[in-house]
Amino acid sequence: MSTFVVEHIYKGYPMFETIRGVEDISLDMFDKVQTMWVCDSEEEVTAVENELRRKHGERSSKQP
């Protein structure tokens, strides 16, 4: 089974979703997919999630 982390835009806001324990996903479930990672370990999932939190946190703190 795989773990997918999908970065996408939902109602104009950047988001990411982590989907665990599946073999495949349909990207039709998401509006405006930006990037997708297939992670092999929980450490990799944590690293990707932390990077996305940092990225999106920086983006939101730059807005007026």
PDB file of N, CA and C in Angstrom:
ATOM      1  N   MET A   1       0.828  -1.179   0.000  1.00  0.00           N
ATOM      2  CA  MET A   1       0.000   0.000   0.000  1.00  0.00           C
ATOM      3  C   MET A   1       0.880   1.251   0.000  1.00  0.00           C
ATOM      4  N   SER A   2       0.341   2.307  -0.570  1.00  0.00           N
ATOM      5  CA  SER A   2       1.098   3.548  -0.705  1.00  0.00           C
ATOM      6  C   SER A   2       0.464   4.669   0.105  1.00  0.00           C
ATOM      7  N   THR A   3       1.253   5.716   0.295  1.00  0.00           N
ATOM      8  CA  THR A   3       0.764   6.948   0.903  1.00  0.00           C
ATOM      9  C   THR A   3       0.999   8.063  -0.098  1.00  0.00           C
ATOM     10  N   PHE A   4      -0.059   8.800  -0.406  1.00  0.00           N
ATOM     11  CA  PHE A   4       0.016   9.904  -1.356  1.00  0.00           C
ATOM     12  C   PHE A   4      -0.193  11.210  -0.607  1.00  0.00           C
ATOM     13  N   VAL A   5       0.581  12.226  -0.973  1.00  0.00           N
ATOM     14  CA  VAL A   5       0.356  13.579  -0.477  1.00  0.00           C
ATOM     15  C   VAL A   5       0.072  14.421  -1.717  1.00  0.00           C
ATOM     16  N   VAL A   6      -1.121  15.020  -1.734  1.00  0.00           N
ATOM     17  CA  VAL A   6      -1.577  15.782  -2.896  1.00  0.00           C
ATOM     18  C   VAL A   6      -1.732  17.245  -2.496  1.00  0.00           C
ATOM     19  N   GLU A   7      -1.020  18.118  -3.186  1.00  0.00           N
ATOM     20  CA  GLU A   7      -1.151  19.558  -2.983  1.00  0.00           C
ATOM     21  C   GLU A   7      -2.106  20.065  -4.058  1.00  0.00           C
ATOM     22  N   HIS A   8      -3.136  20.815  -3.629  1.00  0.00           N
ATOM     23  CA  HIS A   8      -4.129  21.295  -4.581  1.00  0.00           C
ATOM     24  C   HIS A   8      -4.718  22.614  -4.109  1.00  0.00           C
ATOM     25  N   ILE A   9      -5.504  23.228  -4.981  1.00  0.00           N
ATOM     26  CA  ILE A   9      -6.184  24.479  -4.661  1.00  0.00           C
ATOM     27  C   ILE A   9      -7.661  24.155  -4.460  1.00  0.00           C
ATOM     28  N   TYR A  10      -8.224  24.586  -3.324  1.00  0.00           N
ATOM     29  CA  TYR A  10      -9.630  24.355  -3.026  1.00  0.00           C
ATOM     30  C   TYR A  10     -10.272  25.688  -2.669  1.00  0.00           C
ATOM     31  N   LYS A  11     -11.244  26.099  -3.473  1.00  0.00           N
ATOM     32  CA  LYS A  11     -11.934  27.380  -3.270  1.00  0.00           C
ATOM     33  C   LYS A  11     -10.953  28.532  -3.147  1.00  0.00           C
ATOM     34  N   GLY A  12      -9.908  28.483  -3.965  1.00  0.00           N
ATOM     35  CA  GLY A  12      -8.920  29.555  -4.004  1.00  0.00           C
ATOM     36  C   GLY A  12      -7.811  29.456  -2.970  1.00  0.00           C
ATOM     37  N   TYR A  13      -7.842  28.457  -2.108  1.00  0.00           N
ATOM     38  CA  TYR A  13      -6.850  28.322  -1.042  1.00  0.00           C
ATOM     39  C   TYR A  13      -5.975  27.086  -1.274  1.00  0.00           C
ATOM     40  N   PRO A  14      -4.663  27.231  -1.074  1.00  0.00           N
ATOM     41  CA  PRO A  14      -3.793  26.057  -1.208  1.00  0.00           C
ATOM     42  C   PRO A  14      -4.010  25.100  -0.038  1.00  0.00           C
ATOM     43  N   MET A  15      -4.075  23.823  -0.360  1.00  0.00           N
ATOM     44  CA  MET A  15      -4.279  22.783   0.651  1.00  0.00           C
ATOM     45  C   MET A  15      -3.446  21.570   0.283  1.00  0.00           C
ATOM     46  N   PHE A  16      -3.302  20.658   1.231  1.00  0.00           N
ATOM     47  CA  PHE A  16      -2.753  19.358   0.895  1.00  0.00           C
ATOM     48  C   PHE A  16      -3.490  18.293   1.680  1.00  0.00           C
ATOM     49  N   GLU A  17      -3.576  17.128   1.081  1.00  0.00           N
ATOM     50  CA  GLU A  17      -4.265  15.988   1.674  1.00  0.00           C
ATOM     51  C   GLU A  17      -3.313  14.802   1.675  1.00  0.00           C
ATOM     52  N   THR A  18      -3.333  14.032   2.730  1.00  0.00           N
ATOM     53  CA  THR A  18      -2.544  12.809   2.830  1.00  0.00           C
ATOM     54  C   THR A  18      -3.496  11.627   2.792  1.00  0.00           C
ATOM     55  N   ILE A  19      -3.288  10.743   1.823  1.00  0.00           N
ATOM     56  CA  ILE A  19      -4.138   9.567   1.651  1.00  0.00           C
ATOM     57  C   ILE A  19      -3.272   8.335   1.876  1.00  0.00           C
ATOM     58  N   ARG A  20      -3.606   7.566   2.903  1.00  0.00           N
ATOM     59  CA  ARG A  20      -2.793   6.410   3.286  1.00  0.00           C
ATOM     60  C   ARG A  20      -3.486   5.098   2.934  1.00  0.00           C
ATOM     61  N   GLY A  21      -2.654   4.079   2.676  1.00  0.00           N
ATOM     62  CA  GLY A  21      -3.140   2.718   2.574  1.00  0.00           C
ATOM     63  C   GLY A  21      -3.918   2.380   1.324  1.00  0.00           C
ATOM     64  N   VAL A  22      -3.589   3.003   0.209  1.00  0.00           N
ATOM     65  CA  VAL A  22      -4.259   2.696  -1.058  1.00  0.00           C
ATOM     66  C   VAL A  22      -3.204   2.380  -2.110  1.00  0.00           C
ATOM     67  N   GLU A  23      -3.622   1.717  -3.161  1.00  0.00           N
ATOM     68  CA  GLU A  23      -2.705   1.405  -4.259  1.00  0.00           C
ATOM     69  C   GLU A  23      -2.675   2.503  -5.307  1.00  0.00           C
ATOM     70  N   ASP A  24      -3.800   3.204  -5.450  1.00  0.00           N
ATOM     71  CA  ASP A  24      -3.916   4.223  -6.489  1.00  0.00           C
ATOM     72  C   ASP A  24      -4.972   5.222  -6.048  1.00  0.00           C
ATOM     73  N   ILE A  25      -4.906   6.440  -6.582  1.00  0.00           N
ATOM     74  CA  ILE A  25      -5.942   7.427  -6.314  1.00  0.00           C
ATOM     75  C   ILE A  25      -6.369   8.051  -7.631  1.00  0.00           C
ATOM     76  N   SER A  26      -7.554   8.617  -7.628  1.00  0.00           N
ATOM     77  CA  SER A  26      -8.048   9.357  -8.778  1.00  0.00           C
ATOM     78  C   SER A  26      -7.855  10.839  -8.501  1.00  0.00           C
ATOM     79  N   LEU A  27      -7.118  11.507  -9.347  1.00  0.00           N
ATOM     80  CA  LEU A  27      -6.887  12.935  -9.145  1.00  0.00           C
ATOM     81  C   LEU A  27      -8.123  13.752  -9.467  1.00  0.00           C
ATOM     82  N   ASP A  28      -9.161  13.106 -10.007  1.00  0.00           N
ATOM     83  CA  ASP A  28     -10.430  13.789 -10.256  1.00  0.00           C
ATOM     84  C   ASP A  28     -11.101  14.207  -8.950  1.00  0.00           C
ATOM     85  N   MET A  29     -10.643  13.646  -7.829  1.00  0.00           N
ATOM     86  CA  MET A  29     -11.199  13.987  -6.518  1.00  0.00           C
ATOM     87  C   MET A  29     -10.813  15.401  -6.087  1.00  0.00           C
ATOM     88  N   PHE A  30      -9.817  15.987  -6.741  1.00  0.00           N
ATOM     89  CA  PHE A  30      -9.245  17.263  -6.309  1.00  0.00           C
ATOM     90  C   PHE A  30      -9.392  18.321  -7.395  1.00  0.00           C
ATOM     91  N   ASP A  31      -9.648  19.553  -6.964  1.00  0.00           N
ATOM     92  CA  ASP A  31      -9.625  20.687  -7.883  1.00  0.00           C
ATOM     93  C   ASP A  31      -8.183  21.161  -8.021  1.00  0.00           C
ATOM     94  N   LYS A  32      -7.770  21.470  -9.193  1.00  0.00           N
ATOM     95  CA  LYS A  32      -6.488  22.136  -9.464  1.00  0.00           C
ATOM     96  C   LYS A  32      -5.303  21.520  -8.717  1.00  0.00           C
ATOM     97  N   VAL A  33      -4.960  20.305  -9.062  1.00  0.00           N
ATOM     98  CA  VAL A  33      -3.818  19.627  -8.448  1.00  0.00           C
ATOM     99  C   VAL A  33      -2.539  20.385  -8.800  1.00  0.00           C
ATOM    100  N   GLN A  34      -1.727  20.671  -7.793  1.00  0.00           N
ATOM    101  CA  GLN A  34      -0.450  21.345  -7.982  1.00  0.00           C
ATOM    102  C   GLN A  34       0.691  20.328  -8.082  1.00  0.00           C
ATOM    103  N   THR A  35       0.810  19.494  -7.067  1.00  0.00           N
ATOM    104  CA  THR A  35       1.846  18.458  -7.037  1.00  0.00           C
ATOM    105  C   THR A  35       1.307  17.242  -6.301  1.00  0.00           C
ATOM    106  N   MET A  36       1.957  16.101  -6.541  1.00  0.00           N
ATOM    107  CA  MET A  36       1.583  14.871  -5.853  1.00  0.00           C
ATOM    108  C   MET A  36       2.858  14.088  -5.546  1.00  0.00           C
ATOM    109  N   TRP A  37       2.949  13.576  -4.335  1.00  0.00           N
ATOM    110  CA  TRP A  37       4.072  12.746  -3.927  1.00  0.00           C
ATOM    111  C   TRP A  37       3.564  11.365  -3.563  1.00  0.00           C
ATOM    112  N   VAL A  38       4.337  10.350  -3.893  1.00  0.00           N
ATOM    113  CA  VAL A  38       4.082   8.990  -3.437  1.00  0.00           C
ATOM    114  C   VAL A  38       5.199   8.675  -2.449  1.00  0.00           C
ATOM    115  N   CYS A  39       4.840   8.474  -1.188  1.00  0.00           N
ATOM    116  CA  CYS A  39       5.825   8.314  -0.124  1.00  0.00           C
ATOM    117  C   CYS A  39       5.964   6.843   0.268  1.00  0.00           C
ATOM    118  N   ASP A  40       7.198   6.450   0.539  1.00  0.00           N
ATOM    119  CA  ASP A  40       7.504   5.067   0.890  1.00  0.00           C
ATOM    120  C   ASP A  40       7.577   4.818   2.387  1.00  0.00           C
ATOM    121  N   SER A  41       7.663   5.892   3.178  1.00  0.00           N
ATOM    122  CA  SER A  41       7.800   5.719   4.625  1.00  0.00           C
ATOM    123  C   SER A  41       7.095   6.869   5.342  1.00  0.00           C
ATOM    124  N   GLU A  42       6.819   6.666   6.624  1.00  0.00           N
ATOM    125  CA  GLU A  42       6.206   7.726   7.427  1.00  0.00           C
ATOM    126  C   GLU A  42       7.148   8.922   7.562  1.00  0.00           C
ATOM    127  N   GLU A  43       8.448   8.663   7.581  1.00  0.00           N
ATOM    128  CA  GLU A  43       9.416   9.758   7.663  1.00  0.00           C
ATOM    129  C   GLU A  43       9.318  10.646   6.429  1.00  0.00           C
ATOM    130  N   GLU A  44       9.157  10.026   5.272  1.00  0.00           N
ATOM    131  CA  GLU A  44       9.017  10.786   4.030  1.00  0.00           C
ATOM    132  C   GLU A  44       7.706  11.586   4.033  1.00  0.00           C
ATOM    133  N   VAL A  45       6.626  10.987   4.503  1.00  0.00           N
ATOM    134  CA  VAL A  45       5.343  11.687   4.608  1.00  0.00           C
ATOM    135  C   VAL A  45       5.499  12.906   5.508  1.00  0.00           C
ATOM    136  N   THR A  46       6.121  12.724   6.652  1.00  0.00           N
ATOM    137  CA  THR A  46       6.315  13.821   7.599  1.00  0.00           C
ATOM    138  C   THR A  46       7.146  14.937   6.976  1.00  0.00           C
ATOM    139  N   ALA A  47       8.203  14.587   6.253  1.00  0.00           N
ATOM    140  CA  ALA A  47       9.053  15.594   5.610  1.00  0.00           C
ATOM    141  C   ALA A  47       8.268  16.393   4.575  1.00  0.00           C
ATOM    142  N   VAL A  48       7.477  15.707   3.749  1.00  0.00           N
ATOM    143  CA  VAL A  48       6.687  16.385   2.721  1.00  0.00           C
ATOM    144  C   VAL A  48       5.640  17.286   3.376  1.00  0.00           C
ATOM    145  N   GLU A  49       4.919  16.777   4.379  1.00  0.00           N
ATOM    146  CA  GLU A  49       3.905  17.581   5.063  1.00  0.00           C
ATOM    147  C   GLU A  49       4.526  18.810   5.725  1.00  0.00           C
ATOM    148  N   ASN A  50       5.665  18.644   6.370  1.00  0.00           N
ATOM    149  CA  ASN A  50       6.327  19.781   7.017  1.00  0.00           C
ATOM    150  C   ASN A  50       6.766  20.820   5.998  1.00  0.00           C
ATOM    151  N   GLU A  51       7.284  20.376   4.866  1.00  0.00           N
ATOM    152  CA  GLU A  51       7.694  21.304   3.815  1.00  0.00           C
ATOM    153  C   GLU A  51       6.485  22.067   3.262  1.00  0.00           C
ATOM    154  N   LEU A  52       5.373  21.388   3.066  1.00  0.00           N
ATOM    155  CA  LEU A  52       4.173  22.057   2.565  1.00  0.00           C
ATOM    156  C   LEU A  52       3.612  23.033   3.595  1.00  0.00           C
ATOM    157  N   ARG A  53       3.647  22.670   4.872  1.00  0.00           N
ATOM    158  CA  ARG A  53       3.211  23.608   5.916  1.00  0.00           C
ATOM    159  C   ARG A  53       4.084  24.860   5.914  1.00  0.00           C
ATOM    160  N   ARG A  54       5.390  24.655   5.787  1.00  0.00           N
ATOM    161  CA  ARG A  54       6.311  25.796   5.741  1.00  0.00           C
ATOM    162  C   ARG A  54       6.024  26.653   4.513  1.00  0.00           C
ATOM    163  N   LYS A  55       5.878  26.013   3.364  1.00  0.00           N
ATOM    164  CA  LYS A  55       5.626  26.720   2.101  1.00  0.00           C
ATOM    165  C   LYS A  55       4.338  27.532   2.183  1.00  0.00           C
ATOM    166  N   HIS A  56       3.261  26.913   2.648  1.00  0.00           N
ATOM    167  CA  HIS A  56       1.981  27.594   2.705  1.00  0.00           C
ATOM    168  C   HIS A  56       1.950  28.624   3.828  1.00  0.00           C
ATOM    169  N   GLY A  57       2.665  28.375   4.903  1.00  0.00           N
ATOM    170  CA  GLY A  57       2.758  29.352   5.990  1.00  0.00           C
ATOM    171  C   GLY A  57       3.469  30.603   5.545  1.00  0.00           C
ATOM    172  N   GLU A  58       4.535  30.458   4.779  1.00  0.00           N
ATOM    173  CA  GLU A  58       5.250  31.610   4.246  1.00  0.00           C
ATOM    174  C   GLU A  58       4.369  32.393   3.280  1.00  0.00           C
ATOM    175  N   ARG A  59       3.629  31.668   2.455  1.00  0.00           N
ATOM    176  CA  ARG A  59       2.762  32.310   1.473  1.00  0.00           C
ATOM    177  C   ARG A  59       1.679  33.136   2.171  1.00  0.00           C
ATOM    178  N   SER A  60       1.048  32.569   3.206  1.00  0.00           N
ATOM    179  CA  SER A  60      -0.044  33.283   3.871  1.00  0.00           C
ATOM    180  C   SER A  60       0.484  34.438   4.709  1.00  0.00           C
ATOM    181  N   SER A  61       1.707  34.337   5.248  1.00  0.00           N
ATOM    182  CA  SER A  61       2.242  35.440   6.046  1.00  0.00           C
ATOM    183  C   SER A  61       2.690  36.604   5.187  1.00  0.00           C
ATOM    184  N   LYS A  62       2.856  36.416   3.894  1.00  0.00           N
ATOM    185  CA  LYS A  62       3.260  37.501   2.991  1.00  0.00           C
ATOM    186  C   LYS A  62       2.070  38.308   2.499  1.00  0.00           C
ATOM    187  N   GLN A  63       0.846  37.811   2.722  1.00  0.00           N
ATOM    188  CA  GLN A  63      -0.325  38.544   2.263  1.00  0.00           C
ATOM    189  C   GLN A  63      -0.630  39.658   3.227  1.00  0.00           C
ATOM    190  N   PRO A  64      -1.141  40.796   2.708  1.00  0.00           N
ATOM    191  CA  PRO A  64      -1.415  41.968   3.581  1.00  0.00           C
ATOM    192  C   PRO A  64      -2.528  41.723   4.567  1.00  0.00           C
TER     193      PRO A  64
END
